[in-house]
Amino acid sequence: MIWAGGEATAEQVREGLLPAHPLKDSSVRTVLRRLEARGYLSHRVAGKTFVYRAEPPPQGIAASAVRRIIDRFCAGSTEQFLVGMVDEEVLSVGEFGPRHRNRFRAAQRRAGRPRRRTTRASRSGCRAG
């Protein structure tokens, strides 16, 4: 919500979560403080109210999350991650540019990608959690 709107107070966040997620004001403030402590948010004071804003852009957070997934499940291999994304039909080979398409196909061959689907771990070279 904060990333979409730029800035928000705790009350605005709480109202934005209703009715699907009715939370107490103190719960929302606790989550916001924790996000700020982890570097995802910062705040300024307007009168007596904290106005929160996103610190890293959403793309930076997404990239960081993907990096953790690659490190944890694919032993740090971006190549194996991408092979898995194509095998699972999240991406298509056509979405890669011509230069990268050839590199990707070579990575698939190195991974020994089977023609028929077996398990996710064997297809992508990544392992389950």
Protein backbone atom coordinates (compact mmCIF):
# COMPACT_ATOMS: atom_id res chain seq x y z
CA MET A 1 0.00 0.00 0.00
CA ILE A 2 2.77 2.44 0.88
CA TRP A 3 4.69 1.50 -2.27
CA ALA A 4 1.61 2.18 -4.39
CA GLY A 5 0.72 5.51 -2.81
CA GLY A 6 4.13 6.93 -2.02
CA GLU A 7 3.39 7.79 1.62
CA ALA A 8 0.88 6.75 4.25
CA THR A 9 0.17 7.07 7.95
CA ALA A 10 -0.50 4.06 10.16
CA GLU A 11 -4.21 4.90 10.11
CA GLN A 12 -4.26 5.03 6.31
CA VAL A 13 -2.53 1.65 6.16
CA ARG A 14 -5.03 0.18 8.65
CA GLU A 15 -8.00 1.56 6.70
CA GLY A 16 -6.52 0.30 3.43
CA LEU A 17 -6.37 -3.22 4.83
CA LEU A 18 -10.05 -3.22 5.82
CA PRO A 19 -12.32 -5.17 5.55
CA ALA A 20 -10.17 -8.10 4.38
CA HIS A 21 -7.61 -7.70 7.18
CA PRO A 22 -9.04 -6.00 10.26
CA LEU A 23 -6.03 -5.17 12.44
CA LYS A 24 -5.71 -3.12 15.59
CA ASP A 25 -3.93 0.19 15.31
CA SER A 26 -1.13 -1.06 17.57
CA SER A 27 -0.55 -4.08 15.33
CA VAL A 28 -0.21 -1.90 12.25
CA ARG A 29 2.21 0.43 14.04
CA THR A 30 4.30 -2.53 15.20
CA VAL A 31 4.57 -3.88 11.65
CA LEU A 32 5.49 -0.44 10.32
CA ARG A 33 8.20 -0.03 13.00
CA ARG A 34 9.62 -3.45 12.14
CA LEU A 35 9.65 -2.67 8.43
CA GLU A 36 11.41 0.58 9.21
CA ALA A 37 13.98 -1.20 11.42
CA ARG A 38 14.72 -3.55 8.52
CA GLY A 39 15.24 -0.64 6.14
CA TYR A 40 12.09 -1.05 4.03
CA LEU A 41 10.43 2.14 5.29
CA SER A 42 11.39 5.51 6.68
CA HIS A 43 9.20 8.15 8.26
CA ARG A 44 8.85 11.87 8.73
CA VAL A 45 6.82 13.58 11.40
CA ALA A 46 3.84 15.72 10.40
CA GLY A 47 2.51 17.29 13.58
CA LYS A 48 2.23 14.30 15.90
CA THR A 49 1.78 11.76 13.12
CA PHE A 50 4.40 9.53 11.52
CA VAL A 51 4.11 9.51 7.74
CA TYR A 52 5.82 6.44 6.30
CA ARG A 53 7.33 6.05 2.86
CA ALA A 54 9.03 3.19 1.08
CA GLU A 55 12.80 3.32 1.15
CA PRO A 56 13.94 0.99 -1.57
CA PRO A 57 11.84 1.02 -4.72
CA PRO A 58 9.60 -2.04 -5.23
CA GLN A 59 11.93 -3.30 -7.98
CA GLY A 60 14.83 -3.32 -5.50
CA ILE A 61 12.83 -5.36 -3.01
CA ALA A 62 11.74 -7.80 -5.72
CA ALA A 63 15.32 -8.18 -6.95
CA SER A 64 16.53 -8.84 -3.43
CA ALA A 65 13.83 -11.48 -2.90
CA VAL A 66 14.70 -13.21 -6.17
CA ARG A 67 18.39 -13.18 -5.24
CA ARG A 68 17.55 -14.94 -1.95
CA ILE A 69 15.52 -17.55 -3.85
CA ILE A 70 18.38 -18.13 -6.29
CA ASP A 71 20.88 -18.45 -3.45
CA ARG A 72 18.71 -20.78 -1.40
CA PHE A 73 17.16 -23.06 -4.01
CA CYS A 74 19.57 -22.89 -6.95
CA ALA A 75 22.95 -22.76 -5.16
CA GLY A 76 23.42 -19.20 -6.43
CA SER A 77 23.06 -20.17 -10.11
CA THR A 78 21.03 -17.58 -12.01
CA GLU A 79 21.35 -19.82 -15.02
CA GLN A 80 19.64 -22.73 -13.25
CA PHE A 81 16.98 -20.38 -11.93
CA LEU A 82 16.12 -19.22 -15.46
CA VAL A 83 16.05 -22.78 -16.79
CA GLY A 84 13.53 -23.57 -14.05
CA MET A 85 11.44 -20.51 -14.87
CA VAL A 86 11.19 -21.63 -18.51
CA ASP A 87 10.52 -25.25 -17.53
CA GLU A 88 7.68 -24.07 -15.28
CA GLU A 89 6.37 -21.82 -18.08
CA VAL A 90 6.80 -18.62 -16.08
CA LEU A 91 9.04 -17.30 -18.87
CA SER A 92 9.37 -18.36 -22.48
CA VAL A 93 12.60 -18.65 -24.42
CA GLY A 94 11.11 -16.10 -26.83
CA GLU A 95 11.24 -13.45 -24.10
CA PHE A 96 15.04 -13.55 -24.19
CA GLY A 97 16.86 -11.42 -26.75
CA PRO A 98 18.70 -13.27 -29.55
CA ARG A 99 22.08 -13.08 -27.79
CA HIS A 100 20.67 -14.30 -24.49
CA ARG A 101 18.51 -16.94 -26.17
CA ASN A 102 21.60 -18.80 -27.42
CA ARG A 103 23.25 -18.57 -23.99
CA PHE A 104 20.05 -19.84 -22.39
CA ARG A 105 19.79 -22.84 -24.72
CA ALA A 106 23.42 -23.70 -23.94
CA ALA A 107 22.58 -23.51 -20.22
CA GLN A 108 19.67 -25.89 -20.77
CA ARG A 109 21.99 -28.38 -22.47
CA ARG A 110 24.56 -28.07 -19.66
CA ALA A 111 21.80 -28.70 -17.12
CA GLY A 112 20.96 -31.92 -18.97
CA ARG A 113 17.37 -30.78 -19.25
CA PRO A 114 15.23 -33.81 -20.04
CA ARG A 115 12.76 -33.68 -22.87
CA ARG A 116 9.96 -34.99 -20.68
CA ARG A 117 9.01 -33.38 -17.40
CA THR A 118 10.11 -35.19 -14.27
CA THR A 119 10.42 -33.37 -10.97
CA ARG A 120 10.95 -29.66 -10.51
CA ALA A 121 14.30 -30.19 -8.84
CA SER A 122 15.66 -32.32 -11.69
CA ARG A 123 14.24 -30.05 -14.41
CA SER A 124 15.56 -26.80 -13.07
CA GLY A 125 18.65 -27.89 -11.23
CA CYS A 126 17.26 -26.15 -8.16
CA ARG A 127 16.30 -27.99 -5.04
CA ALA A 128 13.16 -27.79 -2.94
CA GLY A 129 13.33 -25.97 0.40
